[in-house]
Amino acid sequence: MNENGGRTPLIAGNWKMNLDHLQAVAFVQKLHWTLKDAKHEADSVEVGLFPPFTDLRTVQTLLDADKIPFELGAQDLSAHDSGAYTGEVSGAFLAKLACRYVIIGHSERRAYHDETDEVVAAKVAAAHKHGLVPVICVGETAEDLEAHGSSAVPVAQLTAALAGVAAGAEVVVAYEPVWAIGSGQAATPDQAQDVAAKLRAVVREAIGDEAAARTRVLYGGSVKSSNIAGFMREPDVDGALVGGASLVPEEFAAIIRYQNHVGV
């Protein structure tokens, strides 16, 4: 547990369209060994892996066979259960693969696939229908930041995503400052905390006090081992959604072990 209301931190690695299923096996094994060699306490931080769809079965089998204490998640899901939707993946299929989480509304899905707030809300409903925990991504571009400030767009996106969610439902929220992703320029911990606190207030208003108290709000924007500790000191930041740095086992392990960094 951490000091943020007793919420167990979640460090999630979004591999995006990287690593085939054979590379995924090597990565997971190396990450596991690296953490074991460092005597990392598995229950201090929850580790989530979000590989491409083609890797899910292989990674699931490895985690089960070797009893590796990582949670499995998918990078997206369809709003539909089944049918003539070529190329889409049902939440029912993900549940059968023992996925716990699914990323919904990632900035790249919004930008490159024109996903609207309505689509995101439908996918959140589909995730809950199949027992998956949605990792709802919200964030602003540089243009949004200039026009509306640092929280208006993420707050509006999360409000829409939670509109049909039942009180007390489990969600994870990931704040992505799109202007920071891939730029090497992260938001400051103070900026992340300000937005995270406002997002938690949205959760409280939408699905209740208890849900808000246990909902983890992640920061995702150029997260590295050199800056993760600063974010994790903030009371409303409960973890990270890590992109490029999650593809390097040693670096990702160092992020997971942020509590070992000086001053934490």
Protein backbone atom coordinates (compact mmCIF):
# COMPACT_ATOMS: atom_id res chain seq x y z
CA MET A 1 0.00 0.00 0.00
CA ASN A 2 1.09 3.59 -0.49
CA GLU A 3 0.19 6.68 1.46
CA ASN A 4 -2.35 7.87 -1.12
CA GLY A 5 -5.44 6.71 0.72
CA GLY A 6 -4.20 3.12 0.87
CA ARG A 7 -4.31 2.69 -2.92
CA THR A 8 -1.78 0.17 -4.25
CA PRO A 9 0.27 1.92 -6.96
CA LEU A 10 -0.16 0.64 -10.51
CA ILE A 11 2.73 0.85 -12.97
CA ALA A 12 1.40 -0.08 -16.40
CA GLY A 13 3.52 -0.72 -19.48
CA ASN A 14 1.80 0.07 -22.78
CA TRP A 15 3.87 -1.66 -25.45
CA LYS A 16 1.78 -0.14 -28.26
CA MET A 17 2.63 -1.83 -31.59
CA ASN A 18 5.96 -3.23 -30.44
CA LEU A 19 7.27 -6.73 -29.60
CA ASP A 20 5.98 -9.86 -31.30
CA HIS A 21 4.95 -12.83 -29.15
CA LEU A 22 8.47 -14.30 -29.04
CA GLN A 23 10.01 -10.97 -28.08
CA ALA A 24 7.28 -10.62 -25.46
CA VAL A 25 8.34 -13.87 -23.78
CA ALA A 26 11.96 -12.73 -23.56
CA PHE A 27 10.89 -9.33 -22.23
CA VAL A 28 8.60 -10.68 -19.51
CA GLN A 29 11.20 -13.19 -18.34
CA LYS A 30 13.93 -10.56 -18.19
CA LEU A 31 11.71 -8.07 -16.36
CA HIS A 32 10.71 -10.73 -13.84
CA TRP A 33 14.31 -11.79 -13.24
CA THR A 34 15.47 -8.20 -12.92
CA LEU A 35 12.86 -7.47 -10.26
CA LYS A 36 13.62 -10.72 -8.41
CA ASP A 37 17.36 -9.99 -8.43
CA ALA A 38 16.61 -6.56 -6.97
CA LYS A 39 14.47 -8.22 -4.27
CA HIS A 40 11.46 -6.20 -5.32
CA GLU A 41 8.41 -6.82 -3.12
CA ALA A 42 5.66 -7.77 -5.55
CA ASP A 43 2.81 -6.60 -3.32
CA SER A 44 4.21 -3.06 -2.97
CA VAL A 45 3.43 -2.11 -6.58
CA GLU A 46 1.02 -3.69 -9.04
CA VAL A 47 2.61 -4.24 -12.45
CA GLY A 48 0.39 -4.26 -15.52
CA LEU A 49 1.49 -5.33 -18.99
CA PHE A 50 -0.42 -4.23 -22.08
CA PRO A 51 1.01 -6.07 -25.10
CA PRO A 52 -0.42 -6.18 -28.64
CA PHE A 53 -3.41 -8.49 -29.16
CA THR A 54 -1.25 -11.13 -30.88
CA ASP A 55 0.91 -11.48 -27.75
CA LEU A 56 -1.86 -11.83 -25.17
CA ARG A 57 -2.26 -15.61 -25.18
CA THR A 58 1.49 -16.20 -25.09
CA VAL A 59 2.04 -13.75 -22.24
CA GLN A 60 -0.94 -15.13 -20.32
CA THR A 61 0.43 -18.66 -20.59
CA LEU A 62 3.87 -17.54 -19.38
CA LEU A 63 2.48 -15.60 -16.43
CA ASP A 64 0.38 -18.59 -15.36
CA ALA A 65 3.06 -21.25 -15.90
CA ASP A 66 5.84 -19.37 -14.09
CA LYS A 67 3.54 -17.76 -11.50
CA ILE A 68 4.80 -14.30 -12.45
CA PRO A 69 2.91 -11.67 -10.42
CA PHE A 70 2.06 -9.28 -13.26
CA GLU A 71 -1.45 -8.35 -14.37
CA LEU A 72 -2.40 -8.60 -18.03
CA GLY A 73 -4.26 -5.96 -19.99
CA ALA A 74 -5.29 -5.23 -23.57
CA GLN A 75 -4.70 -2.04 -25.50
CA ASP A 76 -8.29 -1.66 -26.72
CA LEU A 77 -11.59 -3.50 -27.13
CA SER A 78 -14.71 -3.31 -29.27
CA ALA A 79 -17.93 -1.77 -28.06
CA HIS A 80 -19.62 -4.86 -29.55
CA ASP A 81 -19.78 -8.36 -28.08
CA SER A 82 -19.63 -10.22 -31.40
CA GLY A 83 -20.68 -9.98 -35.02
CA ALA A 84 -19.52 -8.61 -38.37
CA TYR A 85 -16.83 -6.29 -37.02
CA THR A 86 -13.69 -7.35 -38.87
CA GLY A 87 -10.50 -6.54 -37.03
CA GLU A 88 -12.11 -5.74 -33.69
CA VAL A 89 -11.70 -7.70 -30.45
CA SER A 90 -14.54 -8.39 -28.04
CA GLY A 91 -14.28 -7.89 -24.32
CA ALA A 92 -15.58 -11.44 -23.97
CA PHE A 93 -12.45 -12.71 -25.74
CA LEU A 94 -10.19 -10.65 -23.48
CA ALA A 95 -11.92 -11.97 -20.37
CA LYS A 96 -11.27 -15.55 -21.54
CA LEU A 97 -7.57 -14.66 -21.71
CA ALA A 98 -7.64 -13.60 -18.05
CA CYS A 99 -7.09 -9.95 -18.88
CA ARG A 100 -7.79 -7.77 -15.87
CA TYR A 101 -7.46 -4.39 -17.56
CA VAL A 102 -8.11 -2.75 -20.92
CA ILE A 103 -6.92 0.66 -22.09
CA ILE A 104 -9.75 2.80 -23.47
CA GLY A 105 -9.57 6.18 -25.18
CA HIS A 106 -5.80 6.36 -25.49
CA SER A 107 -4.70 9.60 -27.12
CA GLU A 108 -3.49 7.69 -30.19
CA ARG A 109 -6.89 6.03 -30.59
CA ARG A 110 -8.59 9.40 -30.31
CA ALA A 111 -6.20 11.03 -32.78
CA TYR A 112 -5.59 8.29 -35.36
CA HIS A 113 -8.92 6.44 -35.20
CA ASP A 114 -11.21 9.39 -34.52
CA GLU A 115 -12.57 7.93 -31.30
CA THR A 116 -15.11 10.29 -29.80
CA ASP A 117 -16.22 10.63 -26.20
CA GLU A 118 -19.32 8.61 -27.14
CA VAL A 119 -17.20 5.73 -28.48
CA VAL A 120 -15.05 5.80 -25.36
CA ALA A 121 -18.15 5.66 -23.14
CA ALA A 122 -19.49 2.68 -25.10
CA LYS A 123 -16.19 0.86 -24.70
CA VAL A 124 -16.14 1.57 -20.95
CA ALA A 125 -19.58 -0.03 -20.73
CA ALA A 126 -18.36 -3.04 -22.74
CA ALA A 127 -15.36 -3.47 -20.44
CA HIS A 128 -17.53 -3.51 -17.33
CA LYS A 129 -20.00 -5.89 -18.97
CA HIS A 130 -17.23 -8.46 -19.36
CA GLY A 131 -15.60 -7.96 -15.96
CA LEU A 132 -12.66 -5.91 -17.21
CA VAL A 133 -11.34 -2.81 -15.47
CA PRO A 134 -11.18 0.10 -17.94
CA VAL A 135 -8.07 2.26 -17.89
CA ILE A 136 -9.71 5.43 -19.16
CA CYS A 137 -7.23 7.76 -20.85
CA VAL A 138 -7.85 11.49 -20.90
CA GLY A 139 -5.62 14.41 -21.80
CA GLU A 140 -5.03 17.58 -23.74
CA THR A 141 -2.99 18.55 -26.78
CA ALA A 142 -0.79 21.64 -26.91
CA GLU A 143 -3.63 23.44 -28.68
CA ASP A 144 -6.11 22.38 -25.98
CA LEU A 145 -3.71 23.53 -23.30
CA GLU A 146 -3.39 26.97 -24.85
CA ALA A 147 -7.11 27.37 -25.49
CA HIS A 148 -8.63 25.83 -22.38
CA GLY A 149 -5.95 25.34 -19.72
CA SER A 150 -4.54 22.18 -18.22
CA SER A 151 -7.65 20.42 -16.92
CA ALA A 152 -10.75 21.47 -18.88
CA VAL A 153 -10.41 18.89 -21.68
CA PRO A 154 -9.43 15.92 -19.46
CA VAL A 155 -12.27 16.73 -17.06
CA ALA A 156 -14.79 16.90 -19.92
CA GLN A 157 -13.52 13.64 -21.42
CA LEU A 158 -13.74 11.77 -18.11
CA THR A 159 -17.18 13.18 -17.36
CA ALA A 160 -18.43 11.80 -20.69
CA ALA A 161 -16.70 8.43 -20.18
CA LEU A 162 -18.33 7.92 -16.77
CA ALA A 163 -21.80 9.12 -17.74
CA GLY A 164 -23.30 5.63 -17.85
CA VAL A 165 -21.12 3.94 -15.24
CA ALA A 166 -22.81 2.45 -12.19
CA ALA A 167 -22.05 3.86 -8.75
CA GLY A 168 -19.12 2.13 -7.11
CA ALA A 169 -17.75 0.59 -10.33
CA GLU A 170 -14.02 0.01 -10.61
CA VAL A 171 -12.11 2.21 -13.01
CA VAL A 172 -8.56 3.43 -13.47
CA VAL A 173 -7.93 6.89 -14.91
CA ALA A 174 -4.79 7.77 -16.86
CA TYR A 175 -3.94 11.42 -17.43
CA GLU A 176 -2.00 11.87 -20.66
CA PRO A 177 -0.67 15.35 -21.35
CA VAL A 178 -0.52 14.74 -25.09
CA TRP A 179 1.82 17.68 -25.51
CA ALA A 180 4.41 15.82 -23.42
CA ILE A 181 4.20 12.36 -24.98
CA GLY A 182 7.29 11.54 -27.02
CA SER A 183 8.68 15.03 -26.55
CA GLY A 184 10.91 14.17 -23.62
CA GLN A 185 9.17 17.00 -21.78
CA ALA A 186 7.02 15.73 -18.93
CA ALA A 187 4.50 17.74 -17.00
CA THR A 188 5.76 18.80 -13.60
CA PRO A 189 4.59 16.82 -10.56
CA ASP A 190 2.59 19.87 -9.46
CA GLN A 191 0.82 20.00 -12.82
CA ALA A 192 0.08 16.28 -12.68
CA GLN A 193 -1.26 16.58 -9.14
CA ASP A 194 -3.54 19.49 -10.05
CA VAL A 195 -5.16 17.58 -12.92
CA ALA A 196 -5.28 14.29 -10.99
CA ALA A 197 -7.13 15.93 -8.10
CA LYS A 198 -9.71 17.38 -10.50
CA LEU A 199 -10.15 13.99 -12.19
CA ARG A 200 -10.72 12.34 -8.82
CA ALA A 201 -13.40 14.95 -8.15
CA VAL A 202 -15.10 13.91 -11.41
CA VAL A 203 -15.05 10.26 -10.28
CA ARG A 204 -16.54 11.29 -6.94
CA GLU A 205 -19.36 13.20 -8.60
CA ALA A 206 -20.08 10.45 -11.14
CA ILE A 207 -19.81 7.20 -9.17
CA GLY A 208 -19.46 8.13 -5.52
CA ASP A 209 -17.10 8.85 -2.65
CA GLU A 210 -16.00 5.27 -2.10
CA ALA A 211 -15.12 4.77 -5.75
CA ALA A 212 -13.20 8.04 -5.81
CA ALA A 213 -11.22 7.04 -2.74
CA ARG A 214 -10.03 3.78 -4.31
CA THR A 215 -9.73 4.85 -7.95
CA ARG A 216 -6.13 5.04 -9.08
CA VAL A 217 -5.16 8.02 -11.21
CA LEU A 218 -2.07 7.38 -13.31
CA TYR A 219 0.25 9.86 -14.96
CA GLY A 220 1.34 9.08 -18.51
CA GLY A 221 3.63 11.42 -20.39
CA SER A 222 7.36 10.77 -20.92
CA VAL A 223 7.65 8.76 -17.70
CA LYS A 224 11.21 7.64 -16.91
CA SER A 225 13.05 6.19 -13.94
CA SER A 226 14.60 9.63 -13.42
CA ASN A 227 11.26 11.42 -12.92
CA ILE A 228 8.78 8.81 -11.63
CA ALA A 229 9.56 9.38 -7.94
CA GLY A 230 8.55 13.04 -8.17
CA PHE A 231 5.14 12.15 -9.55
CA MET A 232 4.58 9.39 -7.02
CA ARG A 233 5.08 11.81 -4.10
CA GLU A 234 1.87 13.58 -5.10
CA PRO A 235 -1.21 12.55 -3.10
CA ASP A 236 -3.52 12.01 -6.10
CA VAL A 237 -1.02 10.31 -8.43
CA ASP A 238 -1.22 6.56 -7.91
CA GLY A 239 0.99 5.21 -10.66
CA ALA A 240 2.03 5.61 -14.26
CA LEU A 241 1.07 4.58 -17.76
CA VAL A 242 4.49 4.08 -19.33
CA GLY A 243 5.11 4.05 -23.08
CA GLY A 244 8.57 3.85 -24.62
CA ALA A 245 10.37 3.27 -21.33
CA SER A 246 8.30 0.13 -20.74
CA LEU A 247 10.05 -1.55 -23.70
CA VAL A 248 13.42 -1.64 -21.91
CA PRO A 249 13.34 -4.23 -19.10
CA GLU A 250 15.98 -2.55 -16.93
CA GLU A 251 14.41 0.89 -17.27
CA PHE A 252 10.89 -0.39 -16.67
CA ALA A 253 12.10 -2.31 -13.63
CA ALA A 254 13.67 0.89 -12.29
CA ILE A 255 10.36 2.71 -12.73
CA ILE A 256 8.52 -0.08 -10.92
CA ARG A 257 11.06 0.20 -8.11
CA TYR A 258 10.53 3.95 -7.70
CA GLN A 259 10.20 3.47 -3.93
CA ASN A 260 13.91 2.62 -3.81
CA HIS A 261 14.86 5.99 -5.23
CA VAL A 262 16.38 8.54 -2.89
CA GLY A 263 13.81 10.66 -1.10
CA VAL A 264 10.79 8.39 -1.60
